[in-house]
Amino acid sequence: MHALSSKLIWPVNTNKITCLPAELSRTDLGLSPETISILRAKLTKIIHCAWAVNFNLGVSSFESQHVRGAYNLLSLCLSVNTIKPADFYFCSSVSAAAGTLLPATITETYITKFENAQNMGYARSKLVVENIIKAAVEKSEVNAKVFRVGQIVGDSQNGIWNSTEAIPLMIRSATTLGALPELDEVS
């Protein structure tokens, strides 16, 4: 709740939100059997938007907590005791497609070639999860979607954004220096 209040988006309708400390790398998510039982009875949607943003790590660095974590959350969606599985929404990254050779048209579908992701563990690990989701959709009745976002920022009213993200840091530096860096983001 502190994270929500620090971004000035609290209070919200708290009877629709349950915050649970979890260990996503574990099959039980680090939750008690009672909590898992309640989730299986009541869960309708999971929005997975938690990932370490570190462009210097290899794919294997993301395996335990992030790739396995997404798999475990998707498995929870599939294990609910309701007529249909719970919906699963995954916030991926434009970097999962940013390695596509130019000129490129990137369609709104699954990317299956790992060379289409930027050559870094962050991008490729996101693409691994996209393909796990693709397989789950093809083999089950789960409604799972991938959102390939560039940057998640503050809302339109308060605009609070993590000041240690690359873009706010670049804007602050540009304000101080009176200049922007020349970036080669096309290749």
Protein backbone atom coordinates (compact mmCIF):
# COMPACT_ATOMS: atom_id res chain seq x y z
CA MET A 1 0.00 0.00 0.00
CA HIS A 2 2.97 2.29 0.64
CA ALA A 3 3.98 2.03 -3.04
CA LEU A 4 0.50 3.16 -4.12
CA SER A 5 0.35 6.03 -1.63
CA SER A 6 3.85 7.24 -2.57
CA LYS A 7 2.62 7.61 -6.17
CA LEU A 8 -0.49 9.49 -5.00
CA ILE A 9 -2.83 6.77 -6.24
CA TRP A 10 -4.07 5.76 -2.83
CA PRO A 11 -6.70 5.34 -1.49
CA VAL A 12 -8.41 3.25 -4.09
CA ASN A 13 -11.21 0.73 -3.79
CA THR A 14 -9.35 -1.47 -1.30
CA ASN A 15 -11.95 -4.22 -1.25
CA LYS A 16 -10.78 -5.14 -4.77
CA ILE A 17 -7.06 -5.26 -3.95
CA THR A 18 -5.22 -7.76 -1.82
CA CYS A 19 -1.48 -7.27 -1.41
CA LEU A 20 0.43 -10.45 -0.68
CA PRO A 21 4.17 -10.71 -0.08
CA ALA A 22 5.26 -13.55 -2.32
CA GLU A 23 8.25 -15.51 -3.59
CA LEU A 24 7.35 -15.97 -7.26
CA SER A 25 10.12 -18.49 -7.91
CA ARG A 26 8.35 -21.01 -5.67
CA THR A 27 5.49 -23.12 -7.06
CA ASP A 28 3.38 -22.14 -4.04
CA LEU A 29 4.48 -18.50 -4.53
CA GLY A 30 5.63 -18.55 -0.93
CA LEU A 31 2.01 -18.33 0.19
CA SER A 32 0.26 -20.40 2.81
CA PRO A 33 -1.93 -23.32 1.70
CA GLU A 34 -4.94 -21.38 3.04
CA THR A 35 -4.11 -18.36 0.87
CA ILE A 36 -3.58 -20.55 -2.21
CA SER A 37 -6.96 -22.17 -1.53
CA ILE A 38 -8.67 -18.77 -1.31
CA LEU A 39 -6.95 -17.65 -4.53
CA ARG A 40 -8.06 -20.79 -6.35
CA ALA A 41 -11.63 -20.10 -5.26
CA LYS A 42 -11.76 -16.35 -6.01
CA LEU A 43 -8.99 -15.34 -8.42
CA THR A 44 -10.20 -13.78 -11.68
CA LYS A 45 -7.19 -11.85 -13.05
CA ILE A 46 -3.45 -11.49 -12.59
CA ILE A 47 -1.55 -8.53 -14.00
CA HIS A 48 2.15 -9.37 -13.94
CA CYS A 49 4.14 -6.18 -14.12
CA ALA A 50 7.18 -6.90 -11.93
CA TRP A 51 10.59 -7.46 -13.49
CA ALA A 52 14.15 -6.43 -12.68
CA VAL A 53 15.19 -3.78 -15.17
CA ASN A 54 18.87 -4.51 -15.61
CA PHE A 55 20.26 -4.49 -19.14
CA ASN A 56 23.63 -5.93 -18.07
CA LEU A 57 22.43 -9.35 -16.90
CA GLY A 58 22.22 -12.50 -19.01
CA VAL A 59 19.03 -14.49 -19.60
CA SER A 60 19.89 -17.02 -16.88
CA SER A 61 19.89 -14.23 -14.28
CA PHE A 62 16.16 -13.76 -14.90
CA GLU A 63 15.29 -17.47 -14.86
CA SER A 64 14.49 -18.21 -11.22
CA GLN A 65 12.62 -15.16 -9.99
CA HIS A 66 11.17 -13.80 -13.21
CA VAL A 67 10.71 -16.47 -15.88
CA ARG A 68 9.77 -19.16 -13.35
CA GLY A 69 7.72 -16.57 -11.46
CA ALA A 70 5.63 -15.76 -14.54
CA TYR A 71 5.21 -19.49 -15.18
CA ASN A 72 4.05 -20.02 -11.59
CA LEU A 73 1.54 -17.17 -11.80
CA LEU A 74 0.20 -18.53 -15.09
CA SER A 75 -0.06 -21.97 -13.48
CA LEU A 76 -2.09 -20.44 -10.66
CA CYS A 77 -4.47 -18.95 -13.25
CA LEU A 78 -4.90 -22.40 -14.75
CA SER A 79 -5.49 -24.08 -11.39
CA VAL A 80 -8.46 -22.02 -10.19
CA ASN A 81 -11.63 -23.83 -9.14
CA THR A 82 -13.86 -21.84 -11.47
CA ILE A 83 -15.44 -22.61 -14.82
CA LYS A 84 -12.70 -20.82 -16.74
CA PRO A 85 -9.07 -20.12 -15.83
CA ALA A 86 -8.23 -16.73 -14.38
CA ASP A 87 -7.05 -14.16 -16.94
CA PHE A 88 -3.30 -13.50 -17.13
CA TYR A 89 -1.88 -10.20 -18.38
CA PHE A 90 1.88 -9.90 -18.80
CA CYS A 91 3.73 -6.63 -19.18
CA SER A 92 6.53 -7.51 -21.57
CA SER A 93 8.77 -4.98 -23.28
CA VAL A 94 9.34 -3.40 -26.67
CA SER A 95 12.87 -4.73 -26.27
CA ALA A 96 11.44 -8.21 -26.95
CA ALA A 97 10.94 -7.04 -30.56
CA ALA A 98 13.54 -4.27 -30.86
CA GLY A 99 16.14 -6.52 -32.48
CA THR A 100 13.97 -7.06 -35.56
CA LEU A 101 15.90 -6.10 -38.67
CA LEU A 102 14.95 -2.77 -40.21
CA PRO A 103 12.86 -1.79 -42.01
CA ALA A 104 10.45 -3.71 -39.80
CA THR A 105 6.77 -4.02 -39.22
CA ILE A 106 6.15 -5.71 -35.92
CA THR A 107 2.72 -7.26 -35.83
CA GLU A 108 0.61 -7.52 -32.70
CA THR A 109 1.19 -11.21 -32.21
CA TYR A 110 3.72 -13.49 -30.58
CA ILE A 111 7.36 -13.19 -31.59
CA THR A 112 8.98 -16.60 -31.83
CA LYS A 113 12.48 -15.78 -33.12
CA PHE A 114 14.82 -14.88 -30.31
CA GLU A 115 17.05 -12.91 -32.66
CA ASN A 116 14.16 -10.41 -32.90
CA ALA A 117 14.73 -9.42 -29.28
CA GLN A 118 17.48 -7.02 -28.35
CA ASN A 119 20.68 -8.87 -27.54
CA MET A 120 20.41 -8.65 -23.75
CA GLY A 121 19.09 -10.92 -21.03
CA TYR A 122 16.28 -8.54 -20.07
CA ALA A 123 14.75 -8.55 -23.56
CA ARG A 124 15.30 -12.23 -24.22
CA SER A 125 13.88 -13.29 -20.85
CA LYS A 126 10.73 -11.27 -21.57
CA LEU A 127 10.49 -13.07 -24.92
CA VAL A 128 10.87 -16.45 -23.17
CA VAL A 129 7.80 -15.62 -21.08
CA GLU A 130 5.90 -14.42 -24.15
CA ASN A 131 6.47 -17.86 -25.66
CA ILE A 132 5.40 -19.62 -22.46
CA ILE A 133 2.17 -17.62 -22.64
CA LYS A 134 1.74 -18.49 -26.32
CA ALA A 135 2.04 -22.20 -25.49
CA ALA A 136 -0.45 -21.89 -22.61
CA VAL A 137 -2.99 -20.12 -24.83
CA GLU A 138 -2.62 -22.79 -27.52
CA LYS A 139 -2.96 -25.70 -25.08
CA SER A 140 -5.60 -24.45 -22.63
CA GLU A 141 -8.59 -22.17 -22.27
CA VAL A 142 -6.64 -19.44 -20.49
CA ASN A 143 -7.21 -15.86 -21.61
CA ALA A 144 -3.65 -14.55 -21.51
CA LYS A 145 -2.38 -11.38 -23.14
CA VAL A 146 1.04 -9.84 -23.63
CA PHE A 147 1.42 -6.06 -23.36
CA ARG A 148 4.65 -5.06 -25.05
CA VAL A 149 5.19 -1.70 -23.36
CA GLY A 150 8.03 0.76 -23.73
CA GLN A 151 7.86 2.64 -20.45
CA ILE A 152 5.32 2.69 -17.66
CA VAL A 153 5.06 6.17 -16.24
CA GLY A 154 3.04 8.24 -13.81
CA ASP A 155 -0.63 9.00 -14.30
CA SER A 156 -1.97 12.05 -16.15
CA GLN A 157 -3.06 13.83 -12.96
CA ASN A 158 0.00 13.57 -10.73
CA GLY A 159 2.63 12.36 -13.20
CA ILE A 160 4.81 10.78 -10.53
CA TRP A 161 7.49 8.71 -12.17
CA ASN A 162 10.40 6.76 -10.73
CA SER A 163 13.13 9.41 -10.80
CA THR A 164 15.87 6.78 -11.18
CA GLU A 165 14.52 5.53 -14.55
CA ALA A 166 16.60 6.31 -17.63
CA ILE A 167 14.27 8.89 -19.18
CA PRO A 168 13.76 11.06 -16.04
CA LEU A 169 17.52 10.90 -15.43
CA MET A 170 18.18 11.99 -19.02
CA ILE A 171 15.69 14.86 -18.74
CA ARG A 172 17.24 16.05 -15.46
CA SER A 173 20.71 15.83 -17.00
CA ALA A 174 19.56 17.72 -20.10
CA THR A 175 18.08 20.46 -17.90
CA THR A 176 21.36 20.75 -16.01
CA LEU A 177 23.61 20.60 -19.10
CA GLY A 178 21.33 22.39 -21.53
CA ALA A 179 21.78 19.54 -24.06
CA LEU A 180 20.46 16.09 -24.92
CA PRO A 181 22.67 13.12 -25.82
CA GLU A 182 22.81 11.97 -29.41
CA LEU A 183 21.51 8.41 -29.28
CA ASP A 184 21.88 5.74 -31.93
CA GLU A 185 18.67 3.85 -31.15
CA VAL A 186 17.96 2.69 -34.71
CA SER A 187 20.58 -0.01 -35.11
